[in-house]
Amino acid sequence: MDTPEGWTLEEGGKALVRRFEFKDFSEAFGFLTRVALHAEKQDHHPEFTSVWNRVDFRLTSHDAGGVTERDVRLAEAIGRLVR
């Protein structure tokens, strides 16, 4: 399974991780809202933290014990949503 562009596998290979930075809180929150709407439709919800202008994601499929194609597809979709 290939790691999507801009994402890395965390140590141990259990999750895809990526940080996004924006000009301010409003831009970061708007992006996170778009991700949330997409994730809800896909019924695959990411782990994330948001601090002012930064959003950090950790994508894993807990029931599978690691990264699956669902995580890769969500990572790719998040990459498209940030553009």
PDB file of N, CA and C in Angstrom:
ATOM      1  N   MET A   1       0.858  -1.182   0.000  1.00  0.00           N
ATOM      2  CA  MET A   1       0.000   0.000   0.000  1.00  0.00           C
ATOM      3  C   MET A   1       0.902   1.243   0.000  1.00  0.00           C
ATOM      4  N   ASP A   2       0.650   2.127  -0.939  1.00  0.00           N
ATOM      5  CA  ASP A   2       1.449   3.349  -1.046  1.00  0.00           C
ATOM      6  C   ASP A   2       0.950   4.412  -0.073  1.00  0.00           C
ATOM      7  N   THR A   3       1.876   5.184   0.480  1.00  0.00           N
ATOM      8  CA  THR A   3       1.529   6.301   1.352  1.00  0.00           C
ATOM      9  C   THR A   3       1.153   7.488   0.470  1.00  0.00           C
ATOM     10  N   PRO A   4      -0.016   8.088   0.707  1.00  0.00           N
ATOM     11  CA  PRO A   4      -0.429   9.241  -0.107  1.00  0.00           C
ATOM     12  C   PRO A   4       0.557  10.398   0.013  1.00  0.00           C
ATOM     13  N   GLU A   5       0.615  11.199  -1.038  1.00  0.00           N
ATOM     14  CA  GLU A   5       1.521  12.341  -1.085  1.00  0.00           C
ATOM     15  C   GLU A   5       1.321  13.260   0.126  1.00  0.00           C
ATOM     16  N   GLY A   6       2.424  13.600   0.782  1.00  0.00           N
ATOM     17  CA  GLY A   6       2.388  14.513   1.926  1.00  0.00           C
ATOM     18  C   GLY A   6       2.151  13.835   3.264  1.00  0.00           C
ATOM     19  N   TRP A   7       1.812  12.569   3.267  1.00  0.00           N
ATOM     20  CA  TRP A   7       1.531  11.816   4.495  1.00  0.00           C
ATOM     21  C   TRP A   7       2.732  10.936   4.824  1.00  0.00           C
ATOM     22  N   THR A   8       2.878  10.612   6.110  1.00  0.00           N
ATOM     23  CA  THR A   8       3.913   9.674   6.526  1.00  0.00           C
ATOM     24  C   THR A   8       3.280   8.614   7.414  1.00  0.00           C
ATOM     25  N   LEU A   9       3.953   7.473   7.486  1.00  0.00           N
ATOM     26  CA  LEU A   9       3.536   6.437   8.426  1.00  0.00           C
ATOM     27  C   LEU A   9       4.191   6.739   9.758  1.00  0.00           C
ATOM     28  N   GLU A  10       3.393   6.737  10.828  1.00  0.00           N
ATOM     29  CA  GLU A  10       4.001   6.958  12.138  1.00  0.00           C
ATOM     30  C   GLU A  10       4.871   5.757  12.491  1.00  0.00           C
ATOM     31  N   GLU A  11       5.720   5.940  13.461  1.00  0.00           N
ATOM     32  CA  GLU A  11       6.595   4.857  13.888  1.00  0.00           C
ATOM     33  C   GLU A  11       5.753   3.639  14.250  1.00  0.00           C
ATOM     34  N   GLY A  12       6.136   2.494  13.737  1.00  0.00           N
ATOM     35  CA  GLY A  12       5.376   1.278  13.971  1.00  0.00           C
ATOM     36  C   GLY A  12       4.368   1.009  12.860  1.00  0.00           C
ATOM     37  N   GLY A  13       4.139   1.990  11.993  1.00  0.00           N
ATOM     38  CA  GLY A  13       3.280   1.792  10.830  1.00  0.00           C
ATOM     39  C   GLY A  13       1.801   1.636  11.110  1.00  0.00           C
ATOM     40  N   LYS A  14       1.331   2.078  12.260  1.00  0.00           N
ATOM     41  CA  LYS A  14      -0.075   1.886  12.634  1.00  0.00           C
ATOM     42  C   LYS A  14      -1.005   2.991  12.142  1.00  0.00           C
ATOM     43  N   ALA A  15      -0.444   4.114  11.658  1.00  0.00           N
ATOM     44  CA  ALA A  15      -1.305   5.226  11.250  1.00  0.00           C
ATOM     45  C   ALA A  15      -0.589   6.123  10.250  1.00  0.00           C
ATOM     46  N   LEU A  16      -1.402   6.789   9.432  1.00  0.00           N
ATOM     47  CA  LEU A  16      -0.916   7.851   8.557  1.00  0.00           C
ATOM     48  C   LEU A  16      -1.024   9.157   9.321  1.00  0.00           C
ATOM     49  N   VAL A  17      -0.016  10.004   9.231  1.00  0.00           N
ATOM     50  CA  VAL A  17      -0.035  11.274   9.949  1.00  0.00           C
ATOM     51  C   VAL A  17       0.348  12.416   9.012  1.00  0.00           C
ATOM     52  N   ARG A  18      -0.224  13.573   9.318  1.00  0.00           N
ATOM     53  CA  ARG A  18       0.102  14.773   8.540  1.00  0.00           C
ATOM     54  C   ARG A  18      -0.339  16.015   9.301  1.00  0.00           C
ATOM     55  N   ARG A  19       0.435  17.087   9.141  1.00  0.00           N
ATOM     56  CA  ARG A  19       0.117  18.384   9.736  1.00  0.00           C
ATOM     57  C   ARG A  19      -0.189  19.371   8.615  1.00  0.00           C
ATOM     58  N   PHE A  20      -1.232  20.162   8.831  1.00  0.00           N
ATOM     59  CA  PHE A  20      -1.590  21.240   7.917  1.00  0.00           C
ATOM     60  C   PHE A  20      -1.545  22.544   8.691  1.00  0.00           C
ATOM     61  N   GLU A  21      -0.984  23.593   8.089  1.00  0.00           N
ATOM     62  CA  GLU A  21      -0.945  24.911   8.721  1.00  0.00           C
ATOM     63  C   GLU A  21      -1.620  25.922   7.802  1.00  0.00           C
ATOM     64  N   PHE A  22      -2.351  26.837   8.419  1.00  0.00           N
ATOM     65  CA  PHE A  22      -3.146  27.826   7.702  1.00  0.00           C
ATOM     66  C   PHE A  22      -2.793  29.215   8.195  1.00  0.00           C
ATOM     67  N   LYS A  23      -3.368  30.237   7.557  1.00  0.00           N
ATOM     68  CA  LYS A  23      -3.011  31.604   7.943  1.00  0.00           C
ATOM     69  C   LYS A  23      -3.603  31.999   9.292  1.00  0.00           C
ATOM     70  N   ASP A  24      -4.731  31.393   9.683  1.00  0.00           N
ATOM     71  CA  ASP A  24      -5.347  31.745  10.959  1.00  0.00           C
ATOM     72  C   ASP A  24      -6.341  30.669  11.396  1.00  0.00           C
ATOM     73  N   PHE A  25      -6.948  30.878  12.534  1.00  0.00           N
ATOM     74  CA  PHE A  25      -7.899  29.926  13.109  1.00  0.00           C
ATOM     75  C   PHE A  25      -9.091  29.694  12.194  1.00  0.00           C
ATOM     76  N   SER A  26      -9.625  30.752  11.632  1.00  0.00           N
ATOM     77  CA  SER A  26     -10.816  30.640  10.795  1.00  0.00           C
ATOM     78  C   SER A  26     -10.567  29.759   9.582  1.00  0.00           C
ATOM     79  N   GLU A  27      -9.435  29.930   8.937  1.00  0.00           N
ATOM     80  CA  GLU A  27      -9.111  29.111   7.771  1.00  0.00           C
ATOM     81  C   GLU A  27      -8.919  27.644   8.168  1.00  0.00           C
ATOM     82  N   ALA A  28      -8.249  27.402   9.284  1.00  0.00           N
ATOM     83  CA  ALA A  28      -8.043  26.034   9.766  1.00  0.00           C
ATOM     84  C   ALA A  28      -9.376  25.382  10.125  1.00  0.00           C
ATOM     85  N   PHE A  29     -10.238  26.126  10.789  1.00  0.00           N
ATOM     86  CA  PHE A  29     -11.529  25.570  11.206  1.00  0.00           C
ATOM     87  C   PHE A  29     -12.417  25.290   9.995  1.00  0.00           C
ATOM     88  N   GLY A  30     -12.391  26.161   8.994  1.00  0.00           N
ATOM     89  CA  GLY A  30     -13.158  25.934   7.774  1.00  0.00           C
ATOM     90  C   GLY A  30     -12.713  24.658   7.079  1.00  0.00           C
ATOM     91  N   PHE A  31     -11.403  24.448   6.994  1.00  0.00           N
ATOM     92  CA  PHE A  31     -10.856  23.230   6.404  1.00  0.00           C
ATOM     93  C   PHE A  31     -11.312  22.011   7.199  1.00  0.00           C
ATOM     94  N   LEU A  32     -11.207  22.078   8.506  1.00  0.00           N
ATOM     95  CA  LEU A  32     -11.596  20.957   9.351  1.00  0.00           C
ATOM     96  C   LEU A  32     -13.086  20.650   9.199  1.00  0.00           C
ATOM     97  N   THR A  33     -13.903  21.659   9.016  1.00  0.00           N
ATOM     98  CA  THR A  33     -15.334  21.455   8.789  1.00  0.00           C
ATOM     99  C   THR A  33     -15.569  20.703   7.480  1.00  0.00           C
ATOM    100  N   ARG A  34     -14.853  21.073   6.424  1.00  0.00           N
ATOM    101  CA  ARG A  34     -14.986  20.357   5.147  1.00  0.00           C
ATOM    102  C   ARG A  34     -14.570  18.901   5.299  1.00  0.00           C
ATOM    103  N   VAL A  35     -13.493  18.650   6.039  1.00  0.00           N
ATOM    104  CA  VAL A  35     -13.045  17.278   6.282  1.00  0.00           C
ATOM    105  C   VAL A  35     -14.113  16.514   7.063  1.00  0.00           C
ATOM    106  N   ALA A  36     -14.685  17.148   8.080  1.00  0.00           N
ATOM    107  CA  ALA A  36     -15.698  16.479   8.900  1.00  0.00           C
ATOM    108  C   ALA A  36     -16.914  16.076   8.066  1.00  0.00           C
ATOM    109  N   LEU A  37     -17.358  16.943   7.179  1.00  0.00           N
ATOM    110  CA  LEU A  37     -18.510  16.623   6.333  1.00  0.00           C
ATOM    111  C   LEU A  37     -18.190  15.449   5.420  1.00  0.00           C
ATOM    112  N   HIS A  38     -17.003  15.428   4.851  1.00  0.00           N
ATOM    113  CA  HIS A  38     -16.604  14.313   3.985  1.00  0.00           C
ATOM    114  C   HIS A  38     -16.489  13.016   4.797  1.00  0.00           C
ATOM    115  N   ALA A  39     -15.839  13.092   5.949  1.00  0.00           N
ATOM    116  CA  ALA A  39     -15.639  11.900   6.786  1.00  0.00           C
ATOM    117  C   ALA A  39     -16.969  11.311   7.230  1.00  0.00           C
ATOM    118  N   GLU A  40     -17.920  12.160   7.541  1.00  0.00           N
ATOM    119  CA  GLU A  40     -19.243  11.676   7.962  1.00  0.00           C
ATOM    120  C   GLU A  40     -19.917  10.904   6.831  1.00  0.00           C
ATOM    121  N   LYS A  41     -19.820  11.418   5.614  1.00  0.00           N
ATOM    122  CA  LYS A  41     -20.405  10.721   4.457  1.00  0.00           C
ATOM    123  C   LYS A  41     -19.747   9.366   4.239  1.00  0.00           C
ATOM    124  N   GLN A  42     -18.449   9.285   4.504  1.00  0.00           N
ATOM    125  CA  GLN A  42     -17.705   8.042   4.307  1.00  0.00           C
ATOM    126  C   GLN A  42     -17.790   7.110   5.527  1.00  0.00           C
ATOM    127  N   ASP A  43     -18.363   7.602   6.618  1.00  0.00           N
ATOM    128  CA  ASP A  43     -18.436   6.848   7.876  1.00  0.00           C
ATOM    129  C   ASP A  43     -17.050   6.341   8.299  1.00  0.00           C
ATOM    130  N   HIS A  44     -16.065   7.229   8.139  1.00  0.00           N
ATOM    131  CA  HIS A  44     -14.694   6.917   8.553  1.00  0.00           C
ATOM    132  C   HIS A  44     -14.113   8.205   9.134  1.00  0.00           C
ATOM    133  N   HIS A  45     -13.989   8.244  10.442  1.00  0.00           N
ATOM    134  CA  HIS A  45     -13.711   9.486  11.152  1.00  0.00           C
ATOM    135  C   HIS A  45     -12.257   9.548  11.621  1.00  0.00           C
ATOM    136  N   PRO A  46     -11.552  10.615  11.253  1.00  0.00           N
ATOM    137  CA  PRO A  46     -10.137  10.728  11.611  1.00  0.00           C
ATOM    138  C   PRO A  46      -9.929  11.184  13.051  1.00  0.00           C
ATOM    139  N   GLU A  47      -8.770  10.836  13.573  1.00  0.00           N
ATOM    140  CA  GLU A  47      -8.305  11.444  14.815  1.00  0.00           C
ATOM    141  C   GLU A  47      -7.649  12.755  14.403  1.00  0.00           C
ATOM    142  N   PHE A  48      -7.905  13.819  15.152  1.00  0.00           N
ATOM    143  CA  PHE A  48      -7.274  15.095  14.820  1.00  0.00           C
ATOM    144  C   PHE A  48      -7.133  15.950  16.060  1.00  0.00           C
ATOM    145  N   THR A  49      -6.197  16.884  15.978  1.00  0.00           N
ATOM    146  CA  THR A  49      -6.091  17.952  16.961  1.00  0.00           C
ATOM    147  C   THR A  49      -6.017  19.254  16.182  1.00  0.00           C
ATOM    148  N   SER A  50      -6.556  20.284  16.779  1.00  0.00           N
ATOM    149  CA  SER A  50      -6.541  21.595  16.140  1.00  0.00           C
ATOM    150  C   SER A  50      -6.092  22.622  17.167  1.00  0.00           C
ATOM    151  N   VAL A  51      -5.057  23.373  16.803  1.00  0.00           N
ATOM    152  CA  VAL A  51      -4.537  24.433  17.652  1.00  0.00           C
ATOM    153  C   VAL A  51      -4.346  25.669  16.793  1.00  0.00           C
ATOM    154  N   TRP A  52      -5.152  26.659  17.015  1.00  0.00           N
ATOM    155  CA  TRP A  52      -5.194  27.930  16.307  1.00  0.00           C
ATOM    156  C   TRP A  52      -5.138  27.742  14.801  1.00  0.00           C
ATOM    157  N   ASN A  53      -3.965  27.776  14.163  1.00  0.00           N
ATOM    158  CA  ASN A  53      -3.888  27.695  12.701  1.00  0.00           C
ATOM    159  C   ASN A  53      -3.375  26.343  12.206  1.00  0.00           C
ATOM    160  N   ARG A  54      -3.353  25.358  13.077  1.00  0.00           N
ATOM    161  CA  ARG A  54      -2.759  24.060  12.744  1.00  0.00           C
ATOM    162  C   ARG A  54      -3.768  22.939  12.979  1.00  0.00           C
ATOM    163  N   VAL A  55      -3.778  21.979  12.052  1.00  0.00           N
ATOM    164  CA  VAL A  55      -4.597  20.780  12.205  1.00  0.00           C
ATOM    165  C   VAL A  55      -3.687  19.577  11.967  1.00  0.00           C
ATOM    166  N   ASP A  56      -3.636  18.671  12.939  1.00  0.00           N
ATOM    167  CA  ASP A  56      -2.854  17.441  12.832  1.00  0.00           C
ATOM    168  C   ASP A  56      -3.805  16.262  12.739  1.00  0.00           C
ATOM    169  N   PHE A  57      -3.551  15.383  11.766  1.00  0.00           N
ATOM    170  CA  PHE A  57      -4.383  14.194  11.581  1.00  0.00           C
ATOM    171  C   PHE A  57      -3.592  12.935  11.876  1.00  0.00           C
ATOM    172  N   ARG A  58      -4.314  11.939  12.364  1.00  0.00           N
ATOM    173  CA  ARG A  58      -3.795  10.578  12.532  1.00  0.00           C
ATOM    174  C   ARG A  58      -4.895   9.658  12.028  1.00  0.00           C
ATOM    175  N   LEU A  59      -4.617   8.965  10.923  1.00  0.00           N
ATOM    176  CA  LEU A  59      -5.609   8.099  10.302  1.00  0.00           C
ATOM    177  C   LEU A  59      -5.241   6.643  10.526  1.00  0.00           C
ATOM    178  N   THR A  60      -6.162   5.901  11.107  1.00  0.00           N
ATOM    179  CA  THR A  60      -5.974   4.474  11.344  1.00  0.00           C
ATOM    180  C   THR A  60      -7.341   3.817  11.410  1.00  0.00           C
ATOM    181  N   SER A  61      -7.382   2.540  11.127  1.00  0.00           N
ATOM    182  CA  SER A  61      -8.625   1.769  11.265  1.00  0.00           C
ATOM    183  C   SER A  61      -8.480   0.910  12.508  1.00  0.00           C
ATOM    184  N   HIS A  62      -9.080   1.362  13.593  1.00  0.00           N
ATOM    185  CA  HIS A  62      -8.912   0.682  14.881  1.00  0.00           C
ATOM    186  C   HIS A  62      -9.338  -0.780  14.810  1.00  0.00           C
ATOM    187  N   ASP A  63     -10.440  -1.060  14.112  1.00  0.00           N
ATOM    188  CA  ASP A  63     -10.931  -2.438  14.050  1.00  0.00           C
ATOM    189  C   ASP A  63      -9.984  -3.355  13.280  1.00  0.00           C
ATOM    190  N   ALA A  64      -9.149  -2.786  12.402  1.00  0.00           N
ATOM    191  CA  ALA A  64      -8.185  -3.578  11.632  1.00  0.00           C
ATOM    192  C   ALA A  64      -6.794  -3.547  12.270  1.00  0.00           C
ATOM    193  N   GLY A  65      -6.603  -2.693  13.262  1.00  0.00           N
ATOM    194  CA  GLY A  65      -5.317  -2.618  13.945  1.00  0.00           C
ATOM    195  C   GLY A  65      -4.241  -1.861  13.191  1.00  0.00           C
ATOM    196  N   GLY A  66      -4.641  -1.012  12.250  1.00  0.00           N
ATOM    197  CA  GLY A  66      -3.650  -0.240  11.504  1.00  0.00           C
ATOM    198  C   GLY A  66      -4.247   0.412  10.276  1.00  0.00           C
ATOM    199  N   VAL A  67      -3.377   0.767   9.345  1.00  0.00           N
ATOM    200  CA  VAL A  67      -3.774   1.493   8.142  1.00  0.00           C
ATOM    201  C   VAL A  67      -4.424   0.536   7.146  1.00  0.00           C
ATOM    202  N   THR A  68      -5.559   0.970   6.602  1.00  0.00           N
ATOM    203  CA  THR A  68      -6.254   0.215   5.560  1.00  0.00           C
ATOM    204  C   THR A  68      -6.485   1.126   4.352  1.00  0.00           C
ATOM    205  N   GLU A  69      -7.052   0.564   3.317  1.00  0.00           N
ATOM    206  CA  GLU A  69      -7.378   1.345   2.128  1.00  0.00           C
ATOM    207  C   GLU A  69      -8.342   2.488   2.465  1.00  0.00           C
ATOM    208  N   ARG A  70      -9.202   2.297   3.461  1.00  0.00           N
ATOM    209  CA  ARG A  70     -10.113   3.380   3.873  1.00  0.00           C
ATOM    210  C   ARG A  70      -9.332   4.596   4.351  1.00  0.00           C
ATOM    211  N   ASP A  71      -8.252   4.357   5.082  1.00  0.00           N
ATOM    212  CA  ASP A  71      -7.412   5.458   5.563  1.00  0.00           C
ATOM    213  C   ASP A  71      -6.713   6.149   4.402  1.00  0.00           C
ATOM    214  N   VAL A  72      -6.220   5.359   3.459  1.00  0.00           N
ATOM    215  CA  VAL A  72      -5.550   5.929   2.291  1.00  0.00           C
ATOM    216  C   VAL A  72      -6.525   6.790   1.500  1.00  0.00           C
ATOM    217  N   ARG A  73      -7.737   6.290   1.273  1.00  0.00           N
ATOM    218  CA  ARG A  73      -8.742   7.075   0.537  1.00  0.00           C
ATOM    219  C   ARG A  73      -9.086   8.367   1.275  1.00  0.00           C
ATOM    220  N   LEU A  74      -9.207   8.308   2.615  1.00  0.00           N
ATOM    221  CA  LEU A  74      -9.506   9.507   3.380  1.00  0.00           C
ATOM    222  C   LEU A  74      -8.333  10.489   3.318  1.00  0.00           C
ATOM    223  N   ALA A  75      -7.117   9.990   3.401  1.00  0.00           N
ATOM    224  CA  ALA A  75      -5.935  10.860   3.296  1.00  0.00           C
ATOM    225  C   ALA A  75      -5.916  11.569   1.945  1.00  0.00           C
ATOM    226  N   GLU A  76      -6.203  10.836   0.887  1.00  0.00           N
ATOM    227  CA  GLU A  76      -6.231  11.433  -0.444  1.00  0.00           C
ATOM    228  C   GLU A  76      -7.319  12.504  -0.540  1.00  0.00           C
ATOM    229  N   ALA A  77      -8.492  12.219   0.036  1.00  0.00           N
ATOM    230  CA  ALA A  77      -9.589  13.185   0.018  1.00  0.00           C
ATOM    231  C   ALA A  77      -9.213  14.440   0.821  1.00  0.00           C
ATOM    232  N   ILE A  78      -8.577  14.261   1.969  1.00  0.00           N
ATOM    233  CA  ILE A  78      -8.142  15.414   2.768  1.00  0.00           C
ATOM    234  C   ILE A  78      -7.153  16.258   1.968  1.00  0.00           C
ATOM    235  N   GLY A  79      -6.245  15.594   1.244  1.00  0.00           N
ATOM    236  CA  GLY A  79      -5.304  16.307   0.402  1.00  0.00           C
ATOM    237  C   GLY A  79      -6.013  17.139  -0.667  1.00  0.00           C
ATOM    238  N   ARG A  80      -7.077  16.595  -1.246  1.00  0.00           N
ATOM    239  CA  ARG A  80      -7.838  17.361  -2.245  1.00  0.00           C
ATOM    240  C   ARG A  80      -8.592  18.519  -1.591  1.00  0.00           C
ATOM    241  N   LEU A  81      -9.094  18.327  -0.384  1.00  0.00           N
ATOM    242  CA  LEU A  81      -9.877  19.374   0.287  1.00  0.00           C
ATOM    243  C   LEU A  81      -9.017  20.570   0.689  1.00  0.00           C
ATOM    244  N   VAL A  82      -7.735  20.373   0.876  1.00  0.00           N
ATOM    245  CA  VAL A  82      -6.872  21.476   1.296  1.00  0.00           C
ATOM    246  C   VAL A  82      -6.490  22.370   0.108  1.00  0.00           C
ATOM    247  N   ARG A  83      -6.632  21.855  -1.099  1.00  0.00           N
ATOM    248  CA  ARG A  83      -6.226  22.630  -2.294  1.00  0.00           C
ATOM    249  C   ARG A  83      -7.191  23.731  -2.608  1.00  0.00           C
TER     250      ARG A  83
END
